[in-house]
Amino acid sequence: MSCGHDRMKILSAEFIRSCLVPEQFPPGEIPEIAFVGRSNVGKSSLINSLLHRRDLVKVSRTPGKTRAVNLFRVSTSDPDLAQFYLVDLPGYGFAKVSRSIRAEWEPLLEAYLTDRTTLLGVVLLVESRVVTDRDRQTLAWLRSVGHNPLVVATKADKLKPSERVRMLRESHRNVGLSEGEMLIPYSSMTGEGCDRVWGVFKDWART
C-alpha cells in the first residue's frame, strides 16, 4: 500500500476514549476530523490505512458494531496538523440493530455534529458501487447544519476497469454532489486516494 502524505509523517496514533453521552466529549482544545458512513462501508479499514495502522480501529463483520463516538489522537510532522482527534462515528443504516438502540445513537450523533466548535471537517463515506438514500439524506443533513463534507467512495479496488468511470460518475450524482464538487475514490487495499484525503485535511487545518 502506498500513501506517502508528501513529506508528512504520522508520529503517533492512539485510541483515547469512547463517548456514549455528550458530556464525555473532550474539551474543545484540539481540532477534530469526523468520519461518518453507513454500516459496512469500510470505515474502520479506511481509518487504519490512513494512519498506517493494521488494527488501531477494530474491523467487525457485524454491521452496527460501533455504538459510540470513538476518539483517536493523531500526531503528525506537519505543523498545520500537528495534533488532532480523528473521530469515528457510529454507522447508519444498520438493519440488524434494534430501533431502540438506533434511537439512542441518533441524538449522540446530532449533538456531536452540531455542537463541536473544534470540528475541522467531516468525511462522509459511501461505497463506490452502491449509494443509498441514507447516504444522500446524510449529505443533505450535514449541509443543513453547516458542514461541507468531503465525500469518499470506498472499496474502489472492487470496481472493474470497464465500469469504473461510469460507476464513480453515478455515485457522484446519486449522493447529491454538483458538478465540480469532489468525490475521492479510495481503496484501503491499494492506498488509492490516501494522499488526496490527507491533502484535504491539511487544507482544512490551514483555513
C-alpha atoms as a PDB file:
ATOM      1  CA  MET A   1       0.000   0.000   0.000  1.00  0.00           C
ATOM      2  CA  SER A   2       1.310   3.440  -0.902  1.00  0.00           C
ATOM      3  CA  CYS A   3       0.360   6.566   0.995  1.00  0.00           C
ATOM      4  CA  GLY A   4       3.243   8.971   1.351  1.00  0.00           C
ATOM      5  CA  HIS A   5       1.422  12.126   2.528  1.00  0.00           C
ATOM      6  CA  ASP A   6       4.194  14.026   0.657  1.00  0.00           C
ATOM      7  CA  ARG A   7       6.748  14.852   3.370  1.00  0.00           C
ATOM      8  CA  MET A   8       4.375  14.475   6.305  1.00  0.00           C
ATOM      9  CA  LYS A   9       4.876  11.645   8.772  1.00  0.00           C
ATOM     10  CA  ILE A  10       2.414  10.187  11.270  1.00  0.00           C
ATOM     11  CA  LEU A  11       4.247  10.306  14.571  1.00  0.00           C
ATOM     12  CA  SER A  12       1.615   8.592  16.716  1.00  0.00           C
ATOM     13  CA  ALA A  13      -1.984   7.417  16.670  1.00  0.00           C
ATOM     14  CA  GLU A  14      -3.729   6.119  19.766  1.00  0.00           C
ATOM     15  CA  PHE A  15      -7.221   5.361  20.984  1.00  0.00           C
ATOM     16  CA  ILE A  16      -8.350   7.864  23.637  1.00  0.00           C
ATOM     17  CA  ARG A  17     -11.938   7.115  24.623  1.00  0.00           C
ATOM     18  CA  SER A  18     -15.431   6.026  23.646  1.00  0.00           C
ATOM     19  CA  CYS A  19     -18.196   8.534  24.325  1.00  0.00           C
ATOM     20  CA  LEU A  20     -21.754   7.363  24.954  1.00  0.00           C
ATOM     21  CA  VAL A  21     -23.123  10.758  26.052  1.00  0.00           C
ATOM     22  CA  PRO A  22     -22.124  14.301  25.005  1.00  0.00           C
ATOM     23  CA  GLU A  23     -20.741  15.004  28.485  1.00  0.00           C
ATOM     24  CA  GLN A  24     -17.920  12.580  27.675  1.00  0.00           C
ATOM     25  CA  PHE A  25     -16.713  14.569  24.673  1.00  0.00           C
ATOM     26  CA  PRO A  26     -13.262  16.081  25.346  1.00  0.00           C
ATOM     27  CA  PRO A  27     -12.854  19.814  25.987  1.00  0.00           C
ATOM     28  CA  GLY A  28     -12.545  21.810  22.780  1.00  0.00           C
ATOM     29  CA  GLU A  29      -8.784  22.302  22.722  1.00  0.00           C
ATOM     30  CA  ILE A  30      -7.612  20.045  19.875  1.00  0.00           C
ATOM     31  CA  PRO A  31      -9.073  20.154  16.333  1.00  0.00           C
ATOM     32  CA  GLU A  32     -11.174  17.201  15.218  1.00  0.00           C
ATOM     33  CA  ILE A  33     -11.935  15.418  11.947  1.00  0.00           C
ATOM     34  CA  ALA A  34     -15.002  13.153  11.977  1.00  0.00           C
ATOM     35  CA  PHE A  35     -15.842  10.128   9.834  1.00  0.00           C
ATOM     36  CA  VAL A  36     -19.416   9.095   9.171  1.00  0.00           C
ATOM     37  CA  GLY A  37     -20.933   6.494   6.866  1.00  0.00           C
ATOM     38  CA  ARG A  38     -23.332   3.612   6.706  1.00  0.00           C
ATOM     39  CA  SER A  39     -22.527   0.321   8.387  1.00  0.00           C
ATOM     40  CA  ASN A  40     -20.144  -1.953   6.492  1.00  0.00           C
ATOM     41  CA  VAL A  41     -18.948   0.868   4.212  1.00  0.00           C
ATOM     42  CA  GLY A  42     -15.337   0.139   5.149  1.00  0.00           C
ATOM     43  CA  LYS A  43     -14.823   2.973   7.637  1.00  0.00           C
ATOM     44  CA  SER A  44     -12.571   1.072  10.052  1.00  0.00           C
ATOM     45  CA  SER A  45     -10.371  -0.251   7.246  1.00  0.00           C
ATOM     46  CA  LEU A  46     -10.079   3.196   5.717  1.00  0.00           C
ATOM     47  CA  ILE A  47      -9.080   4.841   9.005  1.00  0.00           C
ATOM     48  CA  ASN A  48      -6.474   2.143   9.648  1.00  0.00           C
ATOM     49  CA  SER A  49      -5.000   2.601   6.171  1.00  0.00           C
ATOM     50  CA  LEU A  50      -4.918   6.388   6.520  1.00  0.00           C
ATOM     51  CA  LEU A  51      -2.961   6.077   9.749  1.00  0.00           C
ATOM     52  CA  HIS A  52      -0.724   3.205   8.585  1.00  0.00           C
ATOM     53  CA  ARG A  53      -2.022   1.034  11.402  1.00  0.00           C
ATOM     54  CA  ARG A  54      -3.166  -2.531  10.980  1.00  0.00           C
ATOM     55  CA  ASP A  55      -5.775  -2.740  13.727  1.00  0.00           C
ATOM     56  CA  LEU A  56      -5.995   0.578  15.577  1.00  0.00           C
ATOM     57  CA  VAL A  57      -9.698   0.607  14.706  1.00  0.00           C
ATOM     58  CA  LYS A  58     -11.182  -2.854  15.100  1.00  0.00           C
ATOM     59  CA  VAL A  59     -12.781  -4.152  11.923  1.00  0.00           C
ATOM     60  CA  SER A  60     -16.024  -6.013  12.543  1.00  0.00           C
ATOM     61  CA  ARG A  61     -18.110  -8.124  10.208  1.00  0.00           C
ATOM     62  CA  THR A  62     -21.193  -7.236  12.240  1.00  0.00           C
ATOM     63  CA  PRO A  63     -22.953  -4.109  10.916  1.00  0.00           C
ATOM     64  CA  GLY A  64     -23.678  -1.554  13.615  1.00  0.00           C
ATOM     65  CA  LYS A  65     -20.897  -2.763  15.901  1.00  0.00           C
ATOM     66  CA  THR A  66     -19.644   0.774  16.595  1.00  0.00           C
ATOM     67  CA  ARG A  67     -22.082   2.145  19.171  1.00  0.00           C
ATOM     68  CA  ALA A  68     -20.186   5.154  20.471  1.00  0.00           C
ATOM     69  CA  VAL A  69     -18.268   8.197  19.337  1.00  0.00           C
ATOM     70  CA  ASN A  70     -14.697   6.879  19.360  1.00  0.00           C
ATOM     71  CA  LEU A  71     -11.772   9.292  19.538  1.00  0.00           C
ATOM     72  CA  PHE A  72      -8.208   8.689  18.393  1.00  0.00           C
ATOM     73  CA  ARG A  73      -5.445  11.225  18.973  1.00  0.00           C
ATOM     74  CA  VAL A  74      -3.123  11.617  15.978  1.00  0.00           C
ATOM     75  CA  SER A  75       0.195  13.476  15.869  1.00  0.00           C
ATOM     76  CA  THR A  76       1.952  14.306  12.598  1.00  0.00           C
ATOM     77  CA  SER A  77       5.081  16.111  11.442  1.00  0.00           C
ATOM     78  CA  ASP A  78       3.005  18.724   9.591  1.00  0.00           C
ATOM     79  CA  PRO A  79       2.961  21.976  11.632  1.00  0.00           C
ATOM     80  CA  ASP A  80      -0.546  22.816  10.387  1.00  0.00           C
ATOM     81  CA  LEU A  81      -1.876  19.445  11.527  1.00  0.00           C
ATOM     82  CA  ALA A  82       0.495  18.663  14.389  1.00  0.00           C
ATOM     83  CA  GLN A  83      -2.190  17.093  16.554  1.00  0.00           C
ATOM     84  CA  PHE A  84      -5.870  16.322  16.069  1.00  0.00           C
ATOM     85  CA  TYR A  85      -8.599  13.927  17.118  1.00  0.00           C
ATOM     86  CA  LEU A  86      -9.811  11.530  14.467  1.00  0.00           C
ATOM     87  CA  VAL A  87     -13.422  10.804  15.423  1.00  0.00           C
ATOM     88  CA  ASP A  88     -15.114   7.563  14.375  1.00  0.00           C
ATOM     89  CA  LEU A  89     -18.890   7.973  14.474  1.00  0.00           C
ATOM     90  CA  PRO A  90     -21.444   5.112  14.643  1.00  0.00           C
ATOM     91  CA  GLY A  91     -22.581   3.824  11.277  1.00  0.00           C
ATOM     92  CA  TYR A  92     -26.101   4.345   9.985  1.00  0.00           C
ATOM     93  CA  GLY A  93     -28.349   2.023   8.021  1.00  0.00           C
ATOM     94  CA  PHE A  94     -27.754  -0.849  10.442  1.00  0.00           C
ATOM     95  CA  ALA A  95     -30.578  -3.254   9.601  1.00  0.00           C
ATOM     96  CA  LYS A  96     -29.599  -5.776  12.299  1.00  0.00           C
ATOM     97  CA  VAL A  97     -29.679  -3.225  15.114  1.00  0.00           C
ATOM     98  CA  SER A  98     -32.885  -2.636  17.023  1.00  0.00           C
ATOM     99  CA  ARG A  99     -34.869   0.560  16.619  1.00  0.00           C
ATOM    100  CA  SER A 100     -34.444   1.363  20.313  1.00  0.00           C
ATOM    101  CA  ILE A 101     -30.637   1.259  20.020  1.00  0.00           C
ATOM    102  CA  ARG A 102     -30.759   3.404  16.894  1.00  0.00           C
ATOM    103  CA  ALA A 103     -32.877   5.910  18.813  1.00  0.00           C
ATOM    104  CA  GLU A 104     -30.131   6.155  21.438  1.00  0.00           C
ATOM    105  CA  TRP A 105     -27.384   6.765  18.880  1.00  0.00           C
ATOM    106  CA  GLU A 106     -29.036   9.445  16.789  1.00  0.00           C
ATOM    107  CA  PRO A 107     -29.147  12.175  19.487  1.00  0.00           C
ATOM    108  CA  LEU A 108     -25.474  11.464  20.246  1.00  0.00           C
ATOM    109  CA  LEU A 109     -24.531  11.883  16.586  1.00  0.00           C
ATOM    110  CA  GLU A 110     -26.617  15.031  16.241  1.00  0.00           C
ATOM    111  CA  ALA A 111     -25.141  16.534  19.395  1.00  0.00           C
ATOM    112  CA  TYR A 112     -21.621  15.889  18.183  1.00  0.00           C
ATOM    113  CA  LEU A 113     -22.100  17.111  14.619  1.00  0.00           C
ATOM    114  CA  THR A 114     -23.982  20.265  15.545  1.00  0.00           C
ATOM    115  CA  ASP A 115     -22.163  21.458  18.675  1.00  0.00           C
ATOM    116  CA  ARG A 116     -18.430  20.815  18.238  1.00  0.00           C
ATOM    117  CA  THR A 117     -16.668  24.138  17.659  1.00  0.00           C
ATOM    118  CA  THR A 118     -13.317  22.383  17.133  1.00  0.00           C
ATOM    119  CA  LEU A 119     -14.594  20.219  14.264  1.00  0.00           C
ATOM    120  CA  LEU A 120     -12.368  20.984  11.262  1.00  0.00           C
ATOM    121  CA  GLY A 121     -14.350  18.877   8.833  1.00  0.00           C
ATOM    122  CA  VAL A 122     -16.484  15.800   8.228  1.00  0.00           C
ATOM    123  CA  VAL A 123     -15.681  12.884   5.922  1.00  0.00           C
ATOM    124  CA  LEU A 124     -18.752  11.137   4.512  1.00  0.00           C
ATOM    125  CA  LEU A 125     -18.019   7.622   3.290  1.00  0.00           C
ATOM    126  CA  VAL A 126     -20.141   5.991   0.613  1.00  0.00           C
ATOM    127  CA  GLU A 127     -19.497   2.707  -1.141  1.00  0.00           C
ATOM    128  CA  SER A 128     -18.285   3.179  -4.701  1.00  0.00           C
ATOM    129  CA  ARG A 129     -20.674   0.530  -6.031  1.00  0.00           C
ATOM    130  CA  VAL A 130     -23.834   1.378  -4.061  1.00  0.00           C
ATOM    131  CA  VAL A 131     -25.024   4.815  -2.921  1.00  0.00           C
ATOM    132  CA  THR A 132     -28.131   4.634  -0.726  1.00  0.00           C
ATOM    133  CA  ASP A 133     -30.948   7.035   0.101  1.00  0.00           C
ATOM    134  CA  ARG A 134     -29.478   7.360   3.621  1.00  0.00           C
ATOM    135  CA  ASP A 135     -26.148   8.463   2.117  1.00  0.00           C
ATOM    136  CA  ARG A 136     -27.915  11.182   0.163  1.00  0.00           C
ATOM    137  CA  GLN A 137     -30.016  12.222   3.171  1.00  0.00           C
ATOM    138  CA  THR A 138     -26.920  12.358   5.376  1.00  0.00           C
ATOM    139  CA  LEU A 139     -25.088  14.637   2.955  1.00  0.00           C
ATOM    140  CA  ALA A 140     -28.115  16.933   2.788  1.00  0.00           C
ATOM    141  CA  TRP A 141     -28.450  16.985   6.589  1.00  0.00           C
ATOM    142  CA  LEU A 142     -24.743  17.705   7.127  1.00  0.00           C
ATOM    143  CA  ARG A 143     -25.030  20.646   4.760  1.00  0.00           C
ATOM    144  CA  SER A 144     -28.133  21.879   6.561  1.00  0.00           C
ATOM    145  CA  VAL A 145     -26.179  22.139   9.834  1.00  0.00           C
ATOM    146  CA  GLY A 146     -23.281  23.982   8.252  1.00  0.00           C
ATOM    147  CA  HIS A 147     -20.858  21.272   7.132  1.00  0.00           C
ATOM    148  CA  ASN A 148     -19.450  20.811   3.649  1.00  0.00           C
ATOM    149  CA  PRO A 149     -18.204  17.233   3.969  1.00  0.00           C
ATOM    150  CA  LEU A 150     -15.540  15.523   1.937  1.00  0.00           C
ATOM    151  CA  VAL A 151     -17.211  12.579   0.185  1.00  0.00           C
ATOM    152  CA  VAL A 152     -15.032   9.482  -0.209  1.00  0.00           C
ATOM    153  CA  ALA A 153     -16.062   6.437  -2.258  1.00  0.00           C
ATOM    154  CA  THR A 154     -14.682   3.319  -0.560  1.00  0.00           C
ATOM    155  CA  LYS A 155     -13.755  -0.091  -1.986  1.00  0.00           C
ATOM    156  CA  ALA A 156     -12.639   1.434  -5.284  1.00  0.00           C
ATOM    157  CA  ASP A 157     -10.435  -1.604  -5.925  1.00  0.00           C
ATOM    158  CA  LYS A 158     -13.591  -3.697  -6.351  1.00  0.00           C
ATOM    159  CA  LEU A 159     -14.653  -1.709  -9.403  1.00  0.00           C
ATOM    160  CA  LYS A 160     -13.932  -3.399 -12.706  1.00  0.00           C
ATOM    161  CA  PRO A 161     -11.829  -1.229 -15.036  1.00  0.00           C
ATOM    162  CA  SER A 162     -14.616  -1.302 -17.606  1.00  0.00           C
ATOM    163  CA  GLU A 163     -17.190   0.100 -15.160  1.00  0.00           C
ATOM    164  CA  ARG A 164     -15.041   2.401 -13.021  1.00  0.00           C
ATOM    165  CA  VAL A 165     -15.635   5.751 -14.735  1.00  0.00           C
ATOM    166  CA  ARG A 166     -19.363   5.146 -15.140  1.00  0.00           C
ATOM    167  CA  MET A 167     -19.957   3.953 -11.587  1.00  0.00           C
ATOM    168  CA  LEU A 168     -17.956   6.740  -9.972  1.00  0.00           C
ATOM    169  CA  ARG A 169     -19.857   9.270 -12.064  1.00  0.00           C
ATOM    170  CA  GLU A 170     -23.138   7.687 -10.940  1.00  0.00           C
ATOM    171  CA  SER A 171     -22.023   7.726  -7.297  1.00  0.00           C
ATOM    172  CA  HIS A 172     -21.103  11.390  -7.617  1.00  0.00           C
ATOM    173  CA  ARG A 173     -24.538  12.221  -8.953  1.00  0.00           C
ATOM    174  CA  ASN A 174     -26.553   9.862  -6.741  1.00  0.00           C
ATOM    175  CA  VAL A 175     -25.136  11.130  -3.453  1.00  0.00           C
ATOM    176  CA  GLY A 176     -26.116  14.681  -4.374  1.00  0.00           C
ATOM    177  CA  LEU A 177     -22.840  16.319  -5.376  1.00  0.00           C
ATOM    178  CA  SER A 178     -22.952  19.003  -8.024  1.00  0.00           C
ATOM    179  CA  GLU A 179     -20.573  19.353 -10.941  1.00  0.00           C
ATOM    180  CA  GLY A 180     -17.161  20.415  -9.725  1.00  0.00           C
ATOM    181  CA  GLU A 181     -17.601  19.035  -6.207  1.00  0.00           C
ATOM    182  CA  MET A 182     -15.067  16.435  -5.164  1.00  0.00           C
ATOM    183  CA  LEU A 183     -15.599  12.710  -4.728  1.00  0.00           C
ATOM    184  CA  ILE A 184     -12.400  10.797  -3.931  1.00  0.00           C
ATOM    185  CA  PRO A 185     -12.205   7.090  -4.876  1.00  0.00           C
ATOM    186  CA  TYR A 186     -10.457   5.195  -2.073  1.00  0.00           C
ATOM    187  CA  SER A 187      -9.057   1.715  -1.613  1.00  0.00           C
ATOM    188  CA  SER A 188      -7.857   0.511   1.775  1.00  0.00           C
ATOM    189  CA  MET A 189      -6.163  -2.373  -0.046  1.00  0.00           C
ATOM    190  CA  THR A 190      -4.056  -0.388  -2.524  1.00  0.00           C
ATOM    191  CA  GLY A 191      -3.875   3.025  -0.830  1.00  0.00           C
ATOM    192  CA  GLU A 192      -5.567   4.795  -3.734  1.00  0.00           C
ATOM    193  CA  GLY A 193      -6.951   8.141  -2.586  1.00  0.00           C
ATOM    194  CA  CYS A 194      -4.959   8.259   0.646  1.00  0.00           C
ATOM    195  CA  ASP A 195      -2.738  11.198  -0.307  1.00  0.00           C
ATOM    196  CA  ARG A 196      -5.712  13.133  -1.663  1.00  0.00           C
ATOM    197  CA  VAL A 197      -7.633  12.709   1.599  1.00  0.00           C
ATOM    198  CA  TRP A 198      -4.641  13.891   3.649  1.00  0.00           C
ATOM    199  CA  GLY A 199      -4.322  16.845   1.290  1.00  0.00           C
ATOM    200  CA  VAL A 200      -7.887  17.890   2.128  1.00  0.00           C
ATOM    201  CA  PHE A 201      -7.167  17.516   5.854  1.00  0.00           C
ATOM    202  CA  LYS A 202      -4.188  19.846   5.541  1.00  0.00           C
ATOM    203  CA  ASP A 203      -6.294  22.349   3.603  1.00  0.00           C
ATOM    204  CA  TRP A 204      -8.883  22.278   6.397  1.00  0.00           C
ATOM    205  CA  ALA A 205      -6.178  22.872   9.005  1.00  0.00           C
ATOM    206  CA  ARG A 206      -4.858  25.912   7.140  1.00  0.00           C
ATOM    207  CA  THR A 207      -8.231  27.638   6.801  1.00  0.00           C
END
